[in-house]
Amino acid sequence: MVSQPSRPSQASPMKSLVAGGVIIAATLVLVDVQNMRSWLSRSQTSVNEKACEEFVQTEATLSRQQLAELLTIPERDSKERVRQVVAEPYCRMAGLSVRAGVKAEREAYPLEFDPKTQLVILYEDNEYAGYRFNFE
């Protein structure tokens, strides 16, 4: 019996396809990382933006319970409603202009369970407009 010549393996085109996919994916990841770096550098705030302008209640902190309750308050609720949960702030920060023609106020509260982290609350026209965390 004569042996038949072996056919070229079907694995070769598959290996080429996988290798091409890996190269494309690696290129996309590198491009995305560079875009992410530029985005992160733009989102970094200056020291002055994080600094308190006026200290209000230097002993003020925010407990886990207060934080949890604050996170249930919808945006555009009144400043008074937020103050029922968080009371007086640790400090007031420099105002911002987030939207054209609207001056925003910011108040900072150190977290009781992580004093190096502050919750910054944003108000626009005496309405709760959101929050963010400042990490040291």
N, C-alpha and C. Protein backbone atom coordinates (compact mmCIF):
# COMPACT_ATOMS: atom_id res chain seq x y z
N MET A 1 0.84 -1.15 0.00
CA MET A 1 0.00 0.00 0.00
C MET A 1 0.90 1.24 0.00
N VAL A 2 0.56 2.17 -0.83
CA VAL A 2 1.33 3.38 -0.99
C VAL A 2 0.69 4.46 -0.11
N SER A 3 1.51 5.11 0.63
CA SER A 3 0.95 6.15 1.50
C SER A 3 0.64 7.39 0.68
N GLN A 4 -0.41 8.03 1.08
CA GLN A 4 -0.85 9.23 0.38
C GLN A 4 -0.03 10.42 0.87
N PRO A 5 0.27 11.34 -0.03
CA PRO A 5 1.00 12.52 0.42
C PRO A 5 0.15 13.31 1.41
N SER A 6 0.78 13.81 2.39
CA SER A 6 0.02 14.54 3.41
C SER A 6 -0.42 15.90 2.87
N ARG A 7 -1.66 16.28 3.29
CA ARG A 7 -2.20 17.58 2.88
C ARG A 7 -1.64 18.66 3.79
N PRO A 8 -1.54 19.86 3.26
CA PRO A 8 -1.11 20.94 4.16
C PRO A 8 -2.12 21.08 5.29
N SER A 9 -1.64 21.31 6.44
CA SER A 9 -2.48 21.42 7.63
C SER A 9 -3.40 22.64 7.55
N GLN A 10 -4.61 22.47 8.08
CA GLN A 10 -5.56 23.59 8.15
C GLN A 10 -5.19 24.55 9.28
N ALA A 11 -4.26 24.14 10.13
CA ALA A 11 -3.88 24.95 11.28
C ALA A 11 -3.10 26.19 10.86
N SER A 12 -2.38 26.15 9.76
CA SER A 12 -1.57 27.29 9.33
C SER A 12 -2.40 28.54 9.10
N PRO A 13 -3.50 28.49 8.32
CA PRO A 13 -4.31 29.71 8.16
C PRO A 13 -4.91 30.16 9.49
N MET A 14 -5.25 29.23 10.34
CA MET A 14 -5.83 29.59 11.62
C MET A 14 -4.79 30.29 12.50
N LYS A 15 -3.55 29.78 12.49
CA LYS A 15 -2.48 30.42 13.26
C LYS A 15 -2.22 31.83 12.76
N SER A 16 -2.25 32.03 11.46
CA SER A 16 -2.03 33.36 10.88
C SER A 16 -3.14 34.31 11.30
N LEU A 17 -4.37 33.81 11.30
CA LEU A 17 -5.51 34.63 11.68
C LEU A 17 -5.40 35.05 13.15
N VAL A 18 -5.05 34.11 14.02
CA VAL A 18 -4.90 34.41 15.44
C VAL A 18 -3.75 35.40 15.66
N ALA A 19 -2.64 35.18 14.99
CA ALA A 19 -1.49 36.08 15.13
C ALA A 19 -1.85 37.50 14.67
N GLY A 20 -2.56 37.62 13.58
CA GLY A 20 -3.00 38.93 13.09
C GLY A 20 -3.92 39.60 14.09
N GLY A 21 -4.83 38.84 14.67
CA GLY A 21 -5.74 39.38 15.67
C GLY A 21 -5.01 39.88 16.90
N VAL A 22 -4.00 39.13 17.33
CA VAL A 22 -3.20 39.54 18.50
C VAL A 22 -2.47 40.84 18.21
N ILE A 23 -1.91 40.97 17.02
CA ILE A 23 -1.18 42.19 16.65
C ILE A 23 -2.13 43.38 16.63
N ILE A 24 -3.31 43.22 16.06
CA ILE A 24 -4.29 44.31 16.01
C ILE A 24 -4.73 44.68 17.42
N ALA A 25 -5.01 43.70 18.26
CA ALA A 25 -5.44 43.97 19.63
C ALA A 25 -4.35 44.70 20.41
N ALA A 26 -3.09 44.28 20.25
CA ALA A 26 -1.98 44.94 20.94
C ALA A 26 -1.84 46.38 20.49
N THR A 27 -2.01 46.63 19.22
CA THR A 27 -1.93 48.00 18.70
C THR A 27 -3.04 48.86 19.29
N LEU A 28 -4.26 48.33 19.34
CA LEU A 28 -5.37 49.07 19.91
C LEU A 28 -5.16 49.38 21.38
N VAL A 29 -4.61 48.44 22.12
CA VAL A 29 -4.35 48.66 23.54
C VAL A 29 -3.31 49.76 23.72
N LEU A 30 -2.25 49.74 22.93
CA LEU A 30 -1.22 50.79 23.04
C LEU A 30 -1.79 52.16 22.72
N VAL A 31 -2.60 52.26 21.68
CA VAL A 31 -3.21 53.53 21.32
C VAL A 31 -4.14 53.98 22.43
N ASP A 32 -4.92 53.06 22.98
CA ASP A 32 -5.86 53.41 24.05
C ASP A 32 -5.12 53.86 25.30
N VAL A 33 -4.00 53.23 25.64
CA VAL A 33 -3.23 53.62 26.82
C VAL A 33 -2.72 55.04 26.66
N GLN A 34 -2.25 55.39 25.47
CA GLN A 34 -1.77 56.76 25.25
C GLN A 34 -2.91 57.75 25.34
N ASN A 35 -4.08 57.41 24.82
CA ASN A 35 -5.24 58.29 24.95
C ASN A 35 -5.64 58.42 26.41
N MET A 36 -5.58 57.33 27.16
CA MET A 36 -5.94 57.34 28.57
C MET A 36 -4.99 58.24 29.35
N ARG A 37 -3.69 58.19 29.02
CA ARG A 37 -2.72 59.05 29.71
C ARG A 37 -3.04 60.52 29.49
N SER A 38 -3.36 60.89 28.27
CA SER A 38 -3.67 62.29 28.01
C SER A 38 -4.96 62.69 28.71
N TRP A 39 -5.93 61.79 28.75
CA TRP A 39 -7.18 62.07 29.45
C TRP A 39 -6.94 62.25 30.94
N LEU A 40 -6.12 61.38 31.52
CA LEU A 40 -5.82 61.48 32.95
C LEU A 40 -5.07 62.76 33.27
N SER A 41 -4.15 63.15 32.43
CA SER A 41 -3.40 64.37 32.71
C SER A 41 -4.32 65.58 32.62
N ARG A 42 -5.30 65.56 31.73
CA ARG A 42 -6.25 66.66 31.64
C ARG A 42 -7.18 66.68 32.84
N SER A 43 -7.50 65.50 33.40
CA SER A 43 -8.45 65.45 34.50
C SER A 43 -7.80 65.74 35.85
N GLN A 44 -6.46 65.78 35.90
CA GLN A 44 -5.78 66.11 37.14
C GLN A 44 -6.09 67.56 37.50
N THR A 45 -6.44 67.79 38.74
CA THR A 45 -6.73 69.15 39.16
C THR A 45 -5.51 69.77 39.79
N SER A 46 -5.41 71.05 39.70
CA SER A 46 -4.27 71.74 40.30
C SER A 46 -4.45 71.76 41.82
N VAL A 47 -3.37 72.04 42.51
CA VAL A 47 -3.42 72.10 43.97
C VAL A 47 -4.40 73.17 44.43
N ASN A 48 -4.45 74.30 43.73
CA ASN A 48 -5.36 75.37 44.12
C ASN A 48 -6.82 74.96 44.02
N GLU A 49 -7.15 74.11 43.05
CA GLU A 49 -8.53 73.66 42.92
C GLU A 49 -8.93 72.75 44.07
N LYS A 50 -7.98 72.07 44.68
CA LYS A 50 -8.27 71.15 45.78
C LYS A 50 -8.18 71.83 47.14
N ALA A 51 -7.69 73.05 47.19
CA ALA A 51 -7.43 73.71 48.45
C ALA A 51 -8.69 74.38 49.00
N CYS A 52 -8.77 74.37 50.31
CA CYS A 52 -9.87 75.06 50.98
C CYS A 52 -9.62 76.56 50.95
N GLU A 53 -10.67 77.29 50.72
CA GLU A 53 -10.60 78.74 50.74
C GLU A 53 -11.03 79.29 52.11
N GLU A 54 -12.01 78.62 52.70
CA GLU A 54 -12.55 79.06 53.99
C GLU A 54 -12.88 77.83 54.84
N PHE A 55 -12.29 77.77 56.02
CA PHE A 55 -12.58 76.66 56.93
C PHE A 55 -13.83 77.00 57.71
N VAL A 56 -14.78 76.06 57.74
CA VAL A 56 -16.06 76.30 58.39
C VAL A 56 -16.14 75.55 59.71
N GLN A 57 -15.97 74.26 59.66
CA GLN A 57 -16.09 73.39 60.84
C GLN A 57 -14.92 72.41 60.79
N THR A 58 -13.81 72.75 61.44
CA THR A 58 -12.59 71.95 61.31
C THR A 58 -12.70 70.55 61.91
N GLU A 59 -13.71 70.30 62.70
CA GLU A 59 -13.92 68.97 63.28
C GLU A 59 -14.89 68.13 62.45
N ALA A 60 -15.43 68.68 61.40
CA ALA A 60 -16.45 67.98 60.60
C ALA A 60 -15.84 66.79 59.86
N THR A 61 -16.55 65.67 59.90
CA THR A 61 -16.21 64.48 59.11
C THR A 61 -17.51 63.88 58.62
N LEU A 62 -17.39 62.98 57.68
CA LEU A 62 -18.56 62.33 57.10
C LEU A 62 -18.50 60.84 57.41
N SER A 63 -19.50 60.31 58.09
CA SER A 63 -19.52 58.88 58.45
C SER A 63 -19.99 58.05 57.25
N ARG A 64 -19.83 56.76 57.36
CA ARG A 64 -20.31 55.85 56.30
C ARG A 64 -21.83 55.99 56.12
N GLN A 65 -22.53 56.10 57.23
CA GLN A 65 -24.00 56.23 57.18
C GLN A 65 -24.40 57.53 56.47
N GLN A 66 -23.74 58.62 56.81
CA GLN A 66 -24.05 59.89 56.15
C GLN A 66 -23.74 59.81 54.66
N LEU A 67 -22.61 59.21 54.31
CA LEU A 67 -22.24 59.05 52.90
C LEU A 67 -23.28 58.22 52.16
N ALA A 68 -23.71 57.12 52.76
CA ALA A 68 -24.72 56.28 52.13
C ALA A 68 -26.03 57.03 51.93
N GLU A 69 -26.42 57.81 52.92
CA GLU A 69 -27.66 58.58 52.81
C GLU A 69 -27.53 59.69 51.76
N LEU A 70 -26.38 60.33 51.72
CA LEU A 70 -26.16 61.39 50.73
C LEU A 70 -26.26 60.85 49.32
N LEU A 71 -25.75 59.65 49.10
CA LEU A 71 -25.77 59.08 47.75
C LEU A 71 -27.17 58.73 47.27
N THR A 72 -28.16 58.76 48.16
CA THR A 72 -29.55 58.51 47.75
C THR A 72 -30.28 59.80 47.35
N ILE A 73 -29.66 60.95 47.62
CA ILE A 73 -30.29 62.23 47.28
C ILE A 73 -30.10 62.50 45.79
N PRO A 74 -31.18 62.74 45.08
CA PRO A 74 -31.05 62.98 43.63
C PRO A 74 -30.46 64.36 43.35
N GLU A 75 -29.76 64.45 42.23
CA GLU A 75 -29.25 65.75 41.80
C GLU A 75 -30.42 66.70 41.58
N ARG A 76 -30.16 67.96 41.77
CA ARG A 76 -31.12 69.06 41.65
C ARG A 76 -32.07 69.14 42.83
N ASP A 77 -31.81 68.34 43.87
CA ASP A 77 -32.55 68.51 45.12
C ASP A 77 -31.97 69.76 45.79
N SER A 78 -32.62 70.25 46.81
CA SER A 78 -32.19 71.51 47.44
C SER A 78 -30.93 71.32 48.29
N LYS A 79 -30.20 72.40 48.43
CA LYS A 79 -29.02 72.42 49.29
C LYS A 79 -29.43 72.12 50.73
N GLU A 80 -30.59 72.60 51.13
CA GLU A 80 -31.08 72.36 52.49
C GLU A 80 -31.28 70.86 52.75
N ARG A 81 -31.76 70.14 51.75
CA ARG A 81 -31.96 68.69 51.90
C ARG A 81 -30.62 67.99 52.12
N VAL A 82 -29.61 68.40 51.39
CA VAL A 82 -28.27 67.82 51.57
C VAL A 82 -27.74 68.16 52.96
N ARG A 83 -27.93 69.39 53.39
CA ARG A 83 -27.45 69.83 54.70
C ARG A 83 -28.13 69.08 55.84
N GLN A 84 -29.33 68.58 55.64
CA GLN A 84 -29.99 67.77 56.67
C GLN A 84 -29.19 66.50 56.93
N VAL A 85 -28.50 66.03 55.92
CA VAL A 85 -27.71 64.80 56.04
C VAL A 85 -26.29 65.09 56.50
N VAL A 86 -25.64 66.11 55.92
CA VAL A 86 -24.21 66.30 56.15
C VAL A 86 -23.86 67.46 57.08
N ALA A 87 -24.79 68.30 57.43
CA ALA A 87 -24.55 69.47 58.31
C ALA A 87 -23.52 70.41 57.70
N GLU A 88 -22.78 71.10 58.55
CA GLU A 88 -21.80 72.09 58.09
C GLU A 88 -20.57 71.40 57.51
N PRO A 89 -19.99 71.97 56.46
CA PRO A 89 -18.80 71.35 55.85
C PRO A 89 -17.53 71.62 56.64
N TYR A 90 -16.51 70.86 56.36
CA TYR A 90 -15.17 71.10 56.89
C TYR A 90 -14.67 72.43 56.33
N CYS A 91 -14.84 72.61 55.02
CA CYS A 91 -14.39 73.86 54.41
C CYS A 91 -15.13 74.13 53.10
N ARG A 92 -15.03 75.37 52.65
CA ARG A 92 -15.55 75.77 51.34
C ARG A 92 -14.36 75.94 50.42
N MET A 93 -14.51 75.46 49.21
CA MET A 93 -13.44 75.56 48.23
C MET A 93 -13.75 76.69 47.25
N ALA A 94 -12.79 77.01 46.43
CA ALA A 94 -12.98 78.06 45.44
C ALA A 94 -14.13 77.69 44.51
N GLY A 95 -14.91 78.69 44.13
CA GLY A 95 -16.02 78.45 43.21
C GLY A 95 -15.52 78.09 41.82
N LEU A 96 -16.39 77.47 41.07
CA LEU A 96 -16.08 77.07 39.70
C LEU A 96 -17.18 77.55 38.77
N SER A 97 -16.88 77.55 37.50
CA SER A 97 -17.90 77.79 36.49
C SER A 97 -17.99 76.51 35.67
N VAL A 98 -18.89 75.62 36.06
CA VAL A 98 -19.02 74.33 35.41
C VAL A 98 -19.79 74.48 34.09
N ARG A 99 -20.86 75.23 34.14
CA ARG A 99 -21.66 75.51 32.94
C ARG A 99 -21.62 77.02 32.69
N ALA A 100 -21.76 77.40 31.47
CA ALA A 100 -21.70 78.82 31.11
C ALA A 100 -22.76 79.60 31.88
N GLY A 101 -22.31 80.65 32.54
CA GLY A 101 -23.23 81.54 33.24
C GLY A 101 -23.70 81.06 34.60
N VAL A 102 -23.23 79.91 35.07
CA VAL A 102 -23.65 79.40 36.37
C VAL A 102 -22.43 79.25 37.26
N LYS A 103 -22.44 79.93 38.39
CA LYS A 103 -21.35 79.83 39.36
C LYS A 103 -21.64 78.67 40.30
N ALA A 104 -20.69 77.79 40.45
CA ALA A 104 -20.86 76.62 41.31
C ALA A 104 -20.07 76.79 42.61
N GLU A 105 -20.66 76.33 43.70
CA GLU A 105 -20.01 76.33 45.01
C GLU A 105 -19.59 74.91 45.33
N ARG A 106 -18.46 74.79 46.06
CA ARG A 106 -17.99 73.47 46.48
C ARG A 106 -17.70 73.46 47.97
N GLU A 107 -18.11 72.37 48.61
CA GLU A 107 -17.85 72.18 50.03
C GLU A 107 -17.22 70.81 50.23
N ALA A 108 -16.24 70.74 51.12
CA ALA A 108 -15.49 69.51 51.33
C ALA A 108 -15.77 68.91 52.70
N TYR A 109 -15.82 67.60 52.73
CA TYR A 109 -16.04 66.82 53.95
C TYR A 109 -15.04 65.67 53.99
N PRO A 110 -14.10 65.65 54.95
CA PRO A 110 -13.22 64.49 55.08
C PRO A 110 -14.04 63.27 55.52
N LEU A 111 -13.67 62.11 55.01
CA LEU A 111 -14.36 60.89 55.41
C LEU A 111 -13.85 60.43 56.77
N GLU A 112 -14.76 60.13 57.66
CA GLU A 112 -14.41 59.70 59.01
C GLU A 112 -13.56 58.43 58.99
N PHE A 113 -13.86 57.53 58.07
CA PHE A 113 -13.19 56.24 58.00
C PHE A 113 -11.96 56.26 57.09
N ASP A 114 -11.70 57.39 56.41
CA ASP A 114 -10.52 57.56 55.56
C ASP A 114 -10.19 59.06 55.50
N PRO A 115 -9.55 59.59 56.53
CA PRO A 115 -9.33 61.04 56.63
C PRO A 115 -8.54 61.66 55.47
N LYS A 116 -7.80 60.87 54.72
CA LYS A 116 -7.04 61.40 53.58
C LYS A 116 -7.92 61.60 52.35
N THR A 117 -9.16 61.16 52.43
CA THR A 117 -10.09 61.29 51.31
C THR A 117 -11.19 62.27 51.70
N GLN A 118 -11.49 63.17 50.78
CA GLN A 118 -12.56 64.14 51.01
C GLN A 118 -13.67 63.93 49.99
N LEU A 119 -14.89 64.11 50.44
CA LEU A 119 -16.03 64.16 49.55
C LEU A 119 -16.28 65.64 49.27
N VAL A 120 -16.31 66.01 48.02
CA VAL A 120 -16.56 67.40 47.63
C VAL A 120 -17.94 67.46 47.00
N ILE A 121 -18.80 68.29 47.57
CA ILE A 121 -20.17 68.44 47.08
C ILE A 121 -20.26 69.72 46.27
N LEU A 122 -20.92 69.62 45.13
CA LEU A 122 -21.07 70.75 44.22
C LEU A 122 -22.50 71.24 44.25
N TYR A 123 -22.66 72.54 44.37
CA TYR A 123 -23.98 73.17 44.34
C TYR A 123 -24.01 74.21 43.22
N GLU A 124 -25.13 74.30 42.55
CA GLU A 124 -25.38 75.36 41.56
C GLU A 124 -26.71 76.02 41.92
N ASP A 125 -26.67 77.31 42.17
CA ASP A 125 -27.89 78.05 42.52
C ASP A 125 -28.67 77.38 43.66
N ASN A 126 -27.97 77.02 44.73
CA ASN A 126 -28.57 76.37 45.91
C ASN A 126 -29.23 75.04 45.60
N GLU A 127 -28.80 74.38 44.53
CA GLU A 127 -29.25 73.03 44.20
C GLU A 127 -28.05 72.09 44.22
N TYR A 128 -28.28 70.89 44.72
CA TYR A 128 -27.26 69.86 44.74
C TYR A 128 -26.97 69.44 43.30
N ALA A 129 -25.72 69.59 42.86
CA ALA A 129 -25.37 69.29 41.47
C ALA A 129 -24.46 68.08 41.33
N GLY A 130 -24.06 67.47 42.44
CA GLY A 130 -23.22 66.27 42.34
C GLY A 130 -22.09 66.28 43.36
N TYR A 131 -21.21 65.31 43.22
CA TYR A 131 -20.10 65.15 44.15
C TYR A 131 -18.93 64.50 43.45
N ARG A 132 -17.80 64.54 44.08
CA ARG A 132 -16.62 63.78 43.65
C ARG A 132 -15.74 63.56 44.86
N PHE A 133 -14.79 62.67 44.74
CA PHE A 133 -13.86 62.39 45.82
C PHE A 133 -12.50 63.00 45.48
N ASN A 134 -11.86 63.61 46.47
CA ASN A 134 -10.48 64.05 46.36
C ASN A 134 -9.64 63.08 47.16
N PHE A 135 -8.65 62.48 46.53
CA PHE A 135 -7.77 61.53 47.19
C PHE A 135 -6.39 62.18 47.34
N GLU A 136 -5.78 62.01 48.49
CA GLU A 136 -4.40 62.53 48.70
C GLU A 136 -3.41 61.50 48.27
